[in-house]
């Protein structure tokens, strides 16, 4: 189930409540980005759904998100909805648009420095690591945490993406040690998604 890009919080909550007995995956798109600012998040106990087994949060990478605004907003959302950390699969997808990838590689042949600044260099990862690690001790604790970099073309090299994901792993030592952290690189071509790493 995909949550609409720009709905009101009450509408999102109504959609989730209506789907709580049937949907297995909930994908949040466009809820966490630099332009939305502070939100009065809806609240929902995701443990009450017998079918939810994956929550996916899509964040568009842009030059405005150097301070990981979207990730900070996600942490705020998790504070309002602590049961999110207990869903079996917790997934964060960073979508790198073509224009950003092209600009990064134009300035740096590997694209690593800019991508690293945008997504990997942030103390927020340590906070997220602690929250997800602590949730493992709950009865419905998450058993897989997925960090995904989804590029829309081949402008960014596999090396650039791999190095950035490796930096994120280093900042999440608790979930890494738990053996539940998985990092992926997906390449989207003409609507089809391929796993690269």
Protein backbone atom coordinates (compact mmCIF):
# COMPACT_ATOMS: atom_id res chain seq x y z
CA UNK A 1 0.00 0.00 0.00
CA UNK A 2 1.46 3.37 -1.05
CA UNK A 3 0.51 6.40 1.03
CA UNK A 4 -0.27 9.42 -1.23
CA UNK A 5 2.48 12.00 -1.69
CA UNK A 6 0.90 15.09 -0.15
CA UNK A 7 -2.06 14.01 1.97
CA UNK A 8 -3.13 15.50 5.28
CA UNK A 9 -2.04 13.65 8.40
CA UNK A 10 -5.63 12.73 9.20
CA UNK A 11 -6.08 11.24 5.73
CA UNK A 12 -2.91 9.18 6.10
CA UNK A 13 -4.13 7.85 9.44
CA UNK A 14 -7.54 6.97 7.96
CA UNK A 15 -5.89 5.08 5.08
CA UNK A 16 -3.67 3.11 7.47
CA UNK A 17 -6.57 2.30 9.80
CA UNK A 18 -8.66 1.08 6.86
CA UNK A 19 -5.80 -1.14 5.66
CA UNK A 20 -4.68 -2.46 9.03
CA UNK A 21 -6.33 -5.85 8.60
CA UNK A 22 -5.09 -6.58 5.10
CA UNK A 23 -2.03 -4.60 3.96
CA UNK A 24 1.39 -6.17 4.49
CA UNK A 25 3.61 -3.27 3.40
CA UNK A 26 3.10 0.44 3.97
CA UNK A 27 5.21 2.80 1.85
CA UNK A 28 5.44 6.44 2.89
CA UNK A 29 6.45 8.69 -0.03
CA UNK A 30 6.99 12.44 0.21
CA UNK A 31 6.23 12.70 3.92
CA UNK A 32 9.82 13.43 4.91
CA UNK A 33 11.60 16.22 3.02
CA UNK A 34 13.10 19.67 3.50
CA UNK A 35 9.98 21.56 2.37
CA UNK A 36 7.51 20.17 4.87
CA UNK A 37 8.99 21.65 8.06
CA UNK A 38 7.59 20.72 11.46
CA UNK A 39 4.65 18.32 11.40
CA UNK A 40 1.94 17.40 13.86
CA UNK A 41 2.26 13.70 13.12
CA UNK A 42 -0.68 11.34 13.30
CA UNK A 43 -0.37 8.50 15.81
CA UNK A 44 -1.09 4.85 15.18
CA UNK A 45 -0.13 1.68 17.02
CA UNK A 46 1.35 -0.46 14.26
CA UNK A 47 1.47 -3.45 16.63
CA UNK A 48 -2.34 -3.65 16.44
CA UNK A 49 -2.22 -4.78 12.80
CA UNK A 50 -1.90 -8.54 12.34
CA UNK A 51 -0.61 -8.14 8.76
CA UNK A 52 1.85 -5.23 8.68
CA UNK A 53 5.32 -6.68 8.20
CA UNK A 54 7.13 -3.84 6.44
CA UNK A 55 7.25 -0.06 6.77
CA UNK A 56 9.16 1.74 4.02
CA UNK A 57 10.04 5.42 4.17
CA UNK A 58 11.14 7.12 0.91
CA UNK A 59 13.28 10.25 1.16
CA UNK A 60 14.25 12.22 -1.95
CA UNK A 61 17.91 13.25 -1.87
CA UNK A 62 18.41 16.94 -2.72
CA UNK A 63 20.86 19.70 -2.00
CA UNK A 64 18.39 21.05 0.52
CA UNK A 65 18.71 17.86 2.58
CA UNK A 66 22.39 18.16 3.48
CA UNK A 67 21.40 18.24 7.15
CA UNK A 68 19.34 15.10 6.70
CA UNK A 69 16.11 17.01 7.30
CA UNK A 70 14.05 14.07 6.09
CA UNK A 71 15.82 11.68 8.44
CA UNK A 72 15.28 14.06 11.36
CA UNK A 73 11.59 14.21 10.49
CA UNK A 74 11.49 10.43 10.39
CA UNK A 75 12.92 10.32 13.92
CA UNK A 76 10.22 12.76 15.04
CA UNK A 77 7.60 10.55 13.43
CA UNK A 78 9.05 7.51 15.23
CA UNK A 79 8.92 9.39 18.54
CA UNK A 80 5.22 10.00 17.96
CA UNK A 81 4.78 6.38 16.81
CA UNK A 82 7.29 4.20 18.73
CA UNK A 83 5.67 1.01 17.46
CA UNK A 84 7.22 1.71 14.02
CA UNK A 85 10.53 0.35 15.30
CA UNK A 86 8.91 -2.98 16.10
CA UNK A 87 7.66 -3.82 12.61
CA UNK A 88 9.52 -6.89 11.21
CA UNK A 89 11.07 -5.00 8.27
CA UNK A 90 12.00 -1.34 8.71
CA UNK A 91 13.19 0.20 5.44
CA UNK A 92 14.56 3.63 4.55
CA UNK A 93 14.91 4.35 0.82
CA UNK A 94 16.98 7.32 -0.33
CA UNK A 95 15.99 8.14 -3.90
CA UNK A 96 18.74 9.99 -5.79
CA UNK A 97 17.21 11.87 -8.76
CA UNK A 98 19.06 12.07 -12.06
CA UNK A 99 19.80 15.79 -11.76
CA UNK A 100 21.46 15.32 -8.36
CA UNK A 101 23.48 12.31 -9.52
CA UNK A 102 24.61 14.15 -12.66
CA UNK A 103 25.68 17.21 -10.71
CA UNK A 104 27.59 15.15 -8.14
CA UNK A 105 29.55 13.27 -10.78
CA UNK A 106 30.25 16.47 -12.71
CA UNK A 107 31.90 17.95 -9.62
CA UNK A 108 33.58 14.74 -8.52
CA UNK A 109 34.18 11.81 -10.88
CA UNK A 110 33.25 9.29 -8.21
CA UNK A 111 30.40 11.33 -6.75
CA UNK A 112 31.29 10.02 -3.30
CA UNK A 113 32.12 13.26 -1.49
CA UNK A 114 28.80 14.96 -2.27
CA UNK A 115 26.68 11.87 -1.70
CA UNK A 116 28.44 11.21 1.59
CA UNK A 117 27.72 14.78 2.74
CA UNK A 118 24.06 14.43 1.80
CA UNK A 119 23.16 11.14 3.42
CA UNK A 120 25.97 9.60 5.44
CA UNK A 121 27.44 12.39 7.54
CA UNK A 122 24.92 12.86 10.34
CA UNK A 123 24.68 12.10 14.03
CA UNK A 124 21.04 11.19 13.38
CA UNK A 125 22.16 7.72 12.25
CA UNK A 126 23.43 6.97 15.77
CA UNK A 127 20.06 7.94 17.24
CA UNK A 128 18.21 5.75 14.76
CA UNK A 129 20.63 2.91 15.48
CA UNK A 130 19.91 3.11 19.21
CA UNK A 131 16.12 3.24 18.73
CA UNK A 132 16.05 0.23 16.39
CA UNK A 133 18.47 -1.74 18.57
CA UNK A 134 16.38 -1.06 21.69
CA UNK A 135 13.23 -2.20 19.88
CA UNK A 136 14.75 -5.66 19.36
CA UNK A 137 14.06 -6.40 23.00
CA UNK A 138 10.33 -5.94 22.47
CA UNK A 139 8.12 -8.98 21.68
CA UNK A 140 7.48 -7.77 18.11
CA UNK A 141 11.01 -6.47 17.59
CA UNK A 142 12.21 -5.68 14.09
CA UNK A 143 14.33 -8.45 12.66
CA UNK A 144 15.59 -6.55 9.61
CA UNK A 145 16.61 -2.95 9.06
CA UNK A 146 17.15 -2.03 5.42
CA UNK A 147 18.92 1.09 4.17
CA UNK A 148 18.48 1.48 0.42
CA UNK A 149 20.07 3.90 -2.02
CA UNK A 150 17.95 3.98 -5.16
CA UNK A 151 19.57 5.70 -8.12
CA UNK A 152 17.58 6.44 -11.24
CA UNK A 153 20.49 6.04 -13.65
CA UNK A 154 24.12 4.99 -13.79
CA UNK A 155 25.63 8.45 -13.25
CA UNK A 156 26.74 7.55 -9.73
CA UNK A 157 29.32 4.80 -9.70
CA UNK A 158 28.81 1.63 -7.71
CA UNK A 159 31.92 2.58 -5.75
CA UNK A 160 30.43 5.92 -4.67
CA UNK A 161 27.25 4.28 -3.46
CA UNK A 162 29.07 1.40 -1.75
CA UNK A 163 31.35 3.77 0.15
CA UNK A 164 28.40 5.88 1.31
CA UNK A 165 26.50 2.81 2.51
CA UNK A 166 29.63 1.61 4.30
CA UNK A 167 29.81 4.94 6.14
CA UNK A 168 26.20 4.50 7.27
CA UNK A 169 27.01 1.00 8.54
CA UNK A 170 29.84 2.42 10.63
CA UNK A 171 27.45 4.88 12.24
CA UNK A 172 24.98 2.10 13.12
CA UNK A 173 27.19 -0.31 15.11
CA UNK A 174 24.39 -1.65 17.33
CA UNK A 175 22.12 -2.92 14.55
CA UNK A 176 25.20 -4.03 12.59
CA UNK A 177 26.34 -6.13 15.56
CA UNK A 178 22.80 -7.44 15.98
CA UNK A 179 23.10 -8.79 12.44
CA UNK A 180 19.85 -7.14 11.31
CA UNK A 181 21.21 -4.23 9.25
CA UNK A 182 21.11 -4.73 5.49
CA UNK A 183 22.25 -2.09 2.96
CA UNK A 184 21.28 -2.17 -0.72
CA UNK A 185 21.88 -0.24 -3.91
CA UNK A 186 18.97 -0.38 -6.35
CA UNK A 187 19.11 0.97 -9.89
CA UNK A 188 15.83 2.11 -11.42
CA UNK A 189 15.68 1.90 -15.22
CA UNK A 190 12.48 2.70 -17.12
CA UNK A 191 10.36 1.85 -14.09
CA UNK A 192 12.12 -1.44 -13.40
CA UNK A 193 14.28 -1.78 -10.28
CA UNK A 194 17.44 -3.86 -10.23
CA UNK A 195 19.56 -4.72 -7.20
CA UNK A 196 23.19 -3.68 -7.72
CA UNK A 197 24.59 -4.25 -4.23
